[in-house]
Amino acid sequence: MRAYNLFRRKGVNAVYCAVPEDCAVPRFLTTNTWAFSGKIHEPAATPIGFDEAADTSVRFNGFYLFHAF
């Protein structure tokens, strides 16, 4: 599993952006609207299906946006 930096959208519950540690942070992740929320580097710490969905999204976008339930 890849390690990801995790960002949470301010003011919106449970909207996150995961960016692989070895990729550049997208420009839309500004400190005005997003807050660094930690790192994901342990498979046990990820939601079900995270790895497959994140891999696909990162391949096309360079990041993975998701809503945590």
PDB file of N, CA and C in Angstrom:
ATOM      1  N   MET A   1       0.824  -1.188   0.000  1.00  0.00           N
ATOM      2  CA  MET A   1       0.000   0.000   0.000  1.00  0.00           C
ATOM      3  C   MET A   1       0.868   1.251   0.000  1.00  0.00           C
ATOM      4  N   ARG A   2       0.439   2.246  -0.765  1.00  0.00           N
ATOM      5  CA  ARG A   2       1.124   3.533  -0.789  1.00  0.00           C
ATOM      6  C   ARG A   2       0.788   4.320   0.467  1.00  0.00           C
ATOM      7  N   ALA A   3       1.666   5.230   0.824  1.00  0.00           N
ATOM      8  CA  ALA A   3       1.405   6.149   1.933  1.00  0.00           C
ATOM      9  C   ALA A   3       0.789   7.418   1.353  1.00  0.00           C
ATOM     10  N   TYR A   4      -0.210   7.964   2.050  1.00  0.00           N
ATOM     11  CA  TYR A   4      -0.937   9.142   1.582  1.00  0.00           C
ATOM     12  C   TYR A   4      -0.933  10.227   2.639  1.00  0.00           C
ATOM     13  N   ASN A   5      -0.857  11.481   2.182  1.00  0.00           N
ATOM     14  CA  ASN A   5      -1.138  12.627   3.040  1.00  0.00           C
ATOM     15  C   ASN A   5      -2.632  12.880   2.914  1.00  0.00           C
ATOM     16  N   LEU A   6      -3.266  13.140   4.035  1.00  0.00           N
ATOM     17  CA  LEU A   6      -4.714  13.288   4.061  1.00  0.00           C
ATOM     18  C   LEU A   6      -5.082  14.725   4.428  1.00  0.00           C
ATOM     19  N   PHE A   7      -5.988  15.304   3.647  1.00  0.00           N
ATOM     20  CA  PHE A   7      -6.465  16.663   3.873  1.00  0.00           C
ATOM     21  C   PHE A   7      -7.981  16.634   4.039  1.00  0.00           C
ATOM     22  N   ARG A   8      -8.503  17.423   4.994  1.00  0.00           N
ATOM     23  CA  ARG A   8      -9.933  17.503   5.268  1.00  0.00           C
ATOM     24  C   ARG A   8     -10.444  18.875   4.855  1.00  0.00           C
ATOM     25  N   ARG A   9     -11.574  18.903   4.163  1.00  0.00           N
ATOM     26  CA  ARG A   9     -12.191  20.157   3.735  1.00  0.00           C
ATOM     27  C   ARG A   9     -12.779  20.851   4.956  1.00  0.00           C
ATOM     28  N   LYS A  10     -12.403  22.103   5.171  1.00  0.00           N
ATOM     29  CA  LYS A  10     -12.916  22.873   6.300  1.00  0.00           C
ATOM     30  C   LYS A  10     -14.387  23.206   6.072  1.00  0.00           C
ATOM     31  N   GLY A  11     -15.181  23.073   7.137  1.00  0.00           N
ATOM     32  CA  GLY A  11     -16.584  23.442   7.062  1.00  0.00           C
ATOM     33  C   GLY A  11     -17.483  22.406   6.415  1.00  0.00           C
ATOM     34  N   VAL A  12     -16.937  21.367   5.847  1.00  0.00           N
ATOM     35  CA  VAL A  12     -17.734  20.314   5.217  1.00  0.00           C
ATOM     36  C   VAL A  12     -17.367  19.009   5.898  1.00  0.00           C
ATOM     37  N   ASN A  13     -18.331  18.397   6.526  1.00  0.00           N
ATOM     38  CA  ASN A  13     -18.065  17.180   7.279  1.00  0.00           C
ATOM     39  C   ASN A  13     -17.632  16.026   6.378  1.00  0.00           C
ATOM     40  N   ALA A  14     -16.527  15.438   6.746  1.00  0.00           N
ATOM     41  CA  ALA A  14     -16.065  14.170   6.196  1.00  0.00           C
ATOM     42  C   ALA A  14     -15.705  14.168   4.712  1.00  0.00           C
ATOM     43  N   VAL A  15     -15.338  15.313   4.135  1.00  0.00           N
ATOM     44  CA  VAL A  15     -14.831  15.339   2.766  1.00  0.00           C
ATOM     45  C   VAL A  15     -13.321  15.411   2.851  1.00  0.00           C
ATOM     46  N   TYR A  16     -12.659  14.450   2.213  1.00  0.00           N
ATOM     47  CA  TYR A  16     -11.214  14.313   2.313  1.00  0.00           C
ATOM     48  C   TYR A  16     -10.568  14.230   0.933  1.00  0.00           C
ATOM     49  N   CYS A  17      -9.299  14.586   0.902  1.00  0.00           N
ATOM     50  CA  CYS A  17      -8.470  14.417  -0.284  1.00  0.00           C
ATOM     51  C   CYS A  17      -7.205  13.695   0.150  1.00  0.00           C
ATOM     52  N   ALA A  18      -6.953  12.548  -0.462  1.00  0.00           N
ATOM     53  CA  ALA A  18      -5.744  11.785  -0.178  1.00  0.00           C
ATOM     54  C   ALA A  18      -4.777  11.986  -1.339  1.00  0.00           C
ATOM     55  N   VAL A  19      -3.538  12.358  -0.994  1.00  0.00           N
ATOM     56  CA  VAL A  19      -2.505  12.608  -1.997  1.00  0.00           C
ATOM     57  C   VAL A  19      -1.317  11.713  -1.661  1.00  0.00           C
ATOM     58  N   PRO A  20      -0.855  10.892  -2.623  1.00  0.00           N
ATOM     59  CA  PRO A  20       0.309  10.057  -2.327  1.00  0.00           C
ATOM     60  C   PRO A  20       1.489  10.915  -1.875  1.00  0.00           C
ATOM     61  N   GLU A  21       2.244  10.397  -0.915  1.00  0.00           N
ATOM     62  CA  GLU A  21       3.387  11.153  -0.388  1.00  0.00           C
ATOM     63  C   GLU A  21       4.408  11.492  -1.460  1.00  0.00           C
ATOM     64  N   ASP A  22       4.502  10.667  -2.493  1.00  0.00           N
ATOM     65  CA  ASP A  22       5.497  10.904  -3.531  1.00  0.00           C
ATOM     66  C   ASP A  22       4.965  11.759  -4.691  1.00  0.00           C
ATOM     67  N   CYS A  23       3.777  12.351  -4.527  1.00  0.00           N
ATOM     68  CA  CYS A  23       3.190  13.220  -5.552  1.00  0.00           C
ATOM     69  C   CYS A  23       3.054  14.643  -5.021  1.00  0.00           C
ATOM     70  N   ALA A  24       3.007  15.582  -5.942  1.00  0.00           N
ATOM     71  CA  ALA A  24       2.825  16.991  -5.564  1.00  0.00           C
ATOM     72  C   ALA A  24       1.398  17.216  -5.065  1.00  0.00           C
ATOM     73  N   VAL A  25       1.245  18.100  -4.100  1.00  0.00           N
ATOM     74  CA  VAL A  25      -0.074  18.450  -3.573  1.00  0.00           C
ATOM     75  C   VAL A  25      -0.767  19.336  -4.604  1.00  0.00           C
ATOM     76  N   PRO A  26      -2.017  18.997  -4.993  1.00  0.00           N
ATOM     77  CA  PRO A  26      -2.732  19.814  -5.976  1.00  0.00           C
ATOM     78  C   PRO A  26      -2.931  21.248  -5.490  1.00  0.00           C
ATOM     79  N   ARG A  27      -2.978  22.175  -6.427  1.00  0.00           N
ATOM     80  CA  ARG A  27      -3.078  23.589  -6.075  1.00  0.00           C
ATOM     81  C   ARG A  27      -4.391  23.970  -5.426  1.00  0.00           C
ATOM     82  N   PHE A  28      -5.449  23.195  -5.631  1.00  0.00           N
ATOM     83  CA  PHE A  28      -6.730  23.554  -5.015  1.00  0.00           C
ATOM     84  C   PHE A  28      -6.743  23.281  -3.513  1.00  0.00           C
ATOM     85  N   LEU A  29      -5.764  22.571  -2.995  1.00  0.00           N
ATOM     86  CA  LEU A  29      -5.680  22.294  -1.556  1.00  0.00           C
ATOM     87  C   LEU A  29      -4.991  23.457  -0.845  1.00  0.00           C
ATOM     88  N   THR A  30      -5.711  24.542  -0.679  1.00  0.00           N
ATOM     89  CA  THR A  30      -5.159  25.726  -0.012  1.00  0.00           C
ATOM     90  C   THR A  30      -5.485  25.683   1.476  1.00  0.00           C
ATOM     91  N   THR A  31      -4.708  26.387   2.258  1.00  0.00           N
ATOM     92  CA  THR A  31      -4.931  26.421   3.711  1.00  0.00           C
ATOM     93  C   THR A  31      -6.214  27.162   4.077  1.00  0.00           C
ATOM     94  N   ASN A  32      -6.752  27.942   3.151  1.00  0.00           N
ATOM     95  CA  ASN A  32      -8.020  28.644   3.407  1.00  0.00           C
ATOM     96  C   ASN A  32      -9.195  27.675   3.472  1.00  0.00           C
ATOM     97  N   THR A  33      -9.148  26.614   2.687  1.00  0.00           N
ATOM     98  CA  THR A  33     -10.298  25.715   2.592  1.00  0.00           C
ATOM     99  C   THR A  33     -10.016  24.269   3.013  1.00  0.00           C
ATOM    100  N   TRP A  34      -8.757  23.901   3.160  1.00  0.00           N
ATOM    101  CA  TRP A  34      -8.396  22.526   3.514  1.00  0.00           C
ATOM    102  C   TRP A  34      -7.412  22.526   4.681  1.00  0.00           C
ATOM    103  N   ALA A  35      -7.485  21.494   5.513  1.00  0.00           N
ATOM    104  CA  ALA A  35      -6.574  21.341   6.647  1.00  0.00           C
ATOM    105  C   ALA A  35      -5.891  19.977   6.562  1.00  0.00           C
ATOM    106  N   PHE A  36      -4.583  19.967   6.822  1.00  0.00           N
ATOM    107  CA  PHE A  36      -3.857  18.702   6.868  1.00  0.00           C
ATOM    108  C   PHE A  36      -4.451  17.875   8.006  1.00  0.00           C
ATOM    109  N   SER A  37      -4.741  16.614   7.705  1.00  0.00           N
ATOM    110  CA  SER A  37      -5.446  15.774   8.668  1.00  0.00           C
ATOM    111  C   SER A  37      -4.652  14.525   9.054  1.00  0.00           C
ATOM    112  N   GLY A  38      -3.416  14.425   8.596  1.00  0.00           N
ATOM    113  CA  GLY A  38      -2.583  13.283   8.969  1.00  0.00           C
ATOM    114  C   GLY A  38      -2.126  12.480   7.774  1.00  0.00           C
ATOM    115  N   LYS A  39      -1.690  11.274   8.063  1.00  0.00           N
ATOM    116  CA  LYS A  39      -1.163  10.383   7.028  1.00  0.00           C
ATOM    117  C   LYS A  39      -1.861   9.039   7.115  1.00  0.00           C
ATOM    118  N   ILE A  40      -1.993   8.415   5.976  1.00  0.00           N
ATOM    119  CA  ILE A  40      -2.485   7.047   5.912  1.00  0.00           C
ATOM    120  C   ILE A  40      -1.330   6.201   5.397  1.00  0.00           C
ATOM    121  N   HIS A  41      -0.866   5.300   6.219  1.00  0.00           N
ATOM    122  CA  HIS A  41       0.231   4.438   5.776  1.00  0.00           C
ATOM    123  C   HIS A  41       0.080   3.008   6.268  1.00  0.00           C
ATOM    124  N   GLU A  42      -0.984   2.739   6.991  1.00  0.00           N
ATOM    125  CA  GLU A  42      -1.262   1.390   7.482  1.00  0.00           C
ATOM    126  C   GLU A  42      -2.547   0.882   6.837  1.00  0.00           C
ATOM    127  N   PRO A  43      -2.522  -0.304   6.240  1.00  0.00           N
ATOM    128  CA  PRO A  43      -3.747  -0.836   5.627  1.00  0.00           C
ATOM    129  C   PRO A  43      -4.921  -0.908   6.599  1.00  0.00           C
ATOM    130  N   ALA A  44      -4.665  -1.158   7.867  1.00  0.00           N
ATOM    131  CA  ALA A  44      -5.745  -1.263   8.859  1.00  0.00           C
ATOM    132  C   ALA A  44      -6.428   0.082   9.099  1.00  0.00           C
ATOM    133  N   ALA A  45      -5.776   1.191   8.749  1.00  0.00           N
ATOM    134  CA  ALA A  45      -6.330   2.529   9.005  1.00  0.00           C
ATOM    135  C   ALA A  45      -7.172   3.052   7.848  1.00  0.00           C
ATOM    136  N   THR A  46      -7.316   2.275   6.792  1.00  0.00           N
ATOM    137  CA  THR A  46      -8.043   2.749   5.613  1.00  0.00           C
ATOM    138  C   THR A  46      -9.471   2.209   5.581  1.00  0.00           C
ATOM    139  N   PRO A  47     -10.392   3.002   5.025  1.00  0.00           N
ATOM    140  CA  PRO A  47     -11.756   2.501   4.846  1.00  0.00           C
ATOM    141  C   PRO A  47     -11.778   1.329   3.859  1.00  0.00           C
ATOM    142  N   ILE A  48     -12.811   0.511   3.939  1.00  0.00           N
ATOM    143  CA  ILE A  48     -12.950  -0.623   3.021  1.00  0.00           C
ATOM    144  C   ILE A  48     -12.990  -0.110   1.591  1.00  0.00           C
ATOM    145  N   GLY A  49     -12.188  -0.704   0.720  1.00  0.00           N
ATOM    146  CA  GLY A  49     -12.143  -0.338  -0.686  1.00  0.00           C
ATOM    147  C   GLY A  49     -11.268   0.857  -1.002  1.00  0.00           C
ATOM    148  N   PHE A  50     -10.642   1.431  -0.003  1.00  0.00           N
ATOM    149  CA  PHE A  50      -9.837   2.641  -0.207  1.00  0.00           C
ATOM    150  C   PHE A  50      -8.700   2.403  -1.201  1.00  0.00           C
ATOM    151  N   ASP A  51      -7.937   1.320  -1.019  1.00  0.00           N
ATOM    152  CA  ASP A  51      -6.752   1.085  -1.848  1.00  0.00           C
ATOM    153  C   ASP A  51      -7.070   1.050  -3.340  1.00  0.00           C
ATOM    154  N   GLU A  52      -8.065   0.272  -3.708  1.00  0.00           N
ATOM    155  CA  GLU A  52      -8.412   0.141  -5.125  1.00  0.00           C
ATOM    156  C   GLU A  52      -8.937   1.455  -5.698  1.00  0.00           C
ATOM    157  N   ALA A  53      -9.828   2.113  -4.968  1.00  0.00           N
ATOM    158  CA  ALA A  53     -10.392   3.381  -5.448  1.00  0.00           C
ATOM    159  C   ALA A  53      -9.313   4.462  -5.526  1.00  0.00           C
ATOM    160  N   ALA A  54      -8.455   4.533  -4.510  1.00  0.00           N
ATOM    161  CA  ALA A  54      -7.389   5.537  -4.502  1.00  0.00           C
ATOM    162  C   ALA A  54      -6.404   5.300  -5.636  1.00  0.00           C
ATOM    163  N   ASP A  55      -6.018   4.046  -5.854  1.00  0.00           N
ATOM    164  CA  ASP A  55      -5.082   3.738  -6.950  1.00  0.00           C
ATOM    165  C   ASP A  55      -5.634   4.194  -8.292  1.00  0.00           C
ATOM    166  N   THR A  56      -6.905   3.917  -8.535  1.00  0.00           N
ATOM    167  CA  THR A  56      -7.526   4.303  -9.804  1.00  0.00           C
ATOM    168  C   THR A  56      -7.600   5.821  -9.935  1.00  0.00           C
ATOM    169  N   SER A  57      -8.052   6.499  -8.894  1.00  0.00           N
ATOM    170  CA  SER A  57      -8.175   7.947  -8.943  1.00  0.00           C
ATOM    171  C   SER A  57      -6.822   8.631  -9.106  1.00  0.00           C
ATOM    172  N   VAL A  58      -5.826   8.158  -8.371  1.00  0.00           N
ATOM    173  CA  VAL A  58      -4.485   8.757  -8.448  1.00  0.00           C
ATOM    174  C   VAL A  58      -3.896   8.582  -9.846  1.00  0.00           C
ATOM    175  N   ARG A  59      -4.170   7.451 -10.471  1.00  0.00           N
ATOM    176  CA  ARG A  59      -3.649   7.214 -11.825  1.00  0.00           C
ATOM    177  C   ARG A  59      -4.159   8.274 -12.800  1.00  0.00           C
ATOM    178  N   PHE A  60      -5.409   8.712 -12.642  1.00  0.00           N
ATOM    179  CA  PHE A  60      -5.998   9.681 -13.563  1.00  0.00           C
ATOM    180  C   PHE A  60      -5.882  11.125 -13.092  1.00  0.00           C
ATOM    181  N   ASN A  61      -5.938  11.357 -11.761  1.00  0.00           N
ATOM    182  CA  ASN A  61      -6.017  12.720 -11.232  1.00  0.00           C
ATOM    183  C   ASN A  61      -4.808  13.170 -10.418  1.00  0.00           C
ATOM    184  N   GLY A  62      -4.089  12.212  -9.831  1.00  0.00           N
ATOM    185  CA  GLY A  62      -2.979  12.555  -8.956  1.00  0.00           C
ATOM    186  C   GLY A  62      -3.401  12.689  -7.503  1.00  0.00           C
ATOM    187  N   PHE A  63      -4.692  12.489  -7.207  1.00  0.00           N
ATOM    188  CA  PHE A  63      -5.232  12.568  -5.861  1.00  0.00           C
ATOM    189  C   PHE A  63      -6.520  11.751  -5.816  1.00  0.00           C
ATOM    190  N   TYR A  64      -7.067  11.571  -4.602  1.00  0.00           N
ATOM    191  CA  TYR A  64      -8.308  10.821  -4.418  1.00  0.00           C
ATOM    192  C   TYR A  64      -9.219  11.597  -3.472  1.00  0.00           C
ATOM    193  N   LEU A  65     -10.357  12.057  -3.981  1.00  0.00           N
ATOM    194  CA  LEU A  65     -11.369  12.746  -3.173  1.00  0.00           C
ATOM    195  C   LEU A  65     -12.385  11.721  -2.703  1.00  0.00           C
ATOM    196  N   PHE A  66     -12.743  11.786  -1.411  1.00  0.00           N
ATOM    197  CA  PHE A  66     -13.767  10.856  -0.931  1.00  0.00           C
ATOM    198  C   PHE A  66     -14.503  11.439   0.262  1.00  0.00           C
ATOM    199  N   HIS A  67     -15.648  10.869   0.515  1.00  0.00           N
ATOM    200  CA  HIS A  67     -16.502  11.254   1.638  1.00  0.00           C
ATOM    201  C   HIS A  67     -16.491  10.086   2.612  1.00  0.00           C
ATOM    202  N   ALA A  68     -16.071  10.327   3.836  1.00  0.00           N
ATOM    203  CA  ALA A  68     -16.024   9.263   4.850  1.00  0.00           C
ATOM    204  C   ALA A  68     -17.377   9.187   5.546  1.00  0.00           C
ATOM    205  N   PHE A  69     -17.845   7.972   5.741  1.00  0.00           N
ATOM    206  CA  PHE A  69     -19.127   7.746   6.419  1.00  0.00           C
ATOM    207  C   PHE A  69     -18.912   7.304   7.834  1.00  0.00           C
TER     208      PHE A  69
END
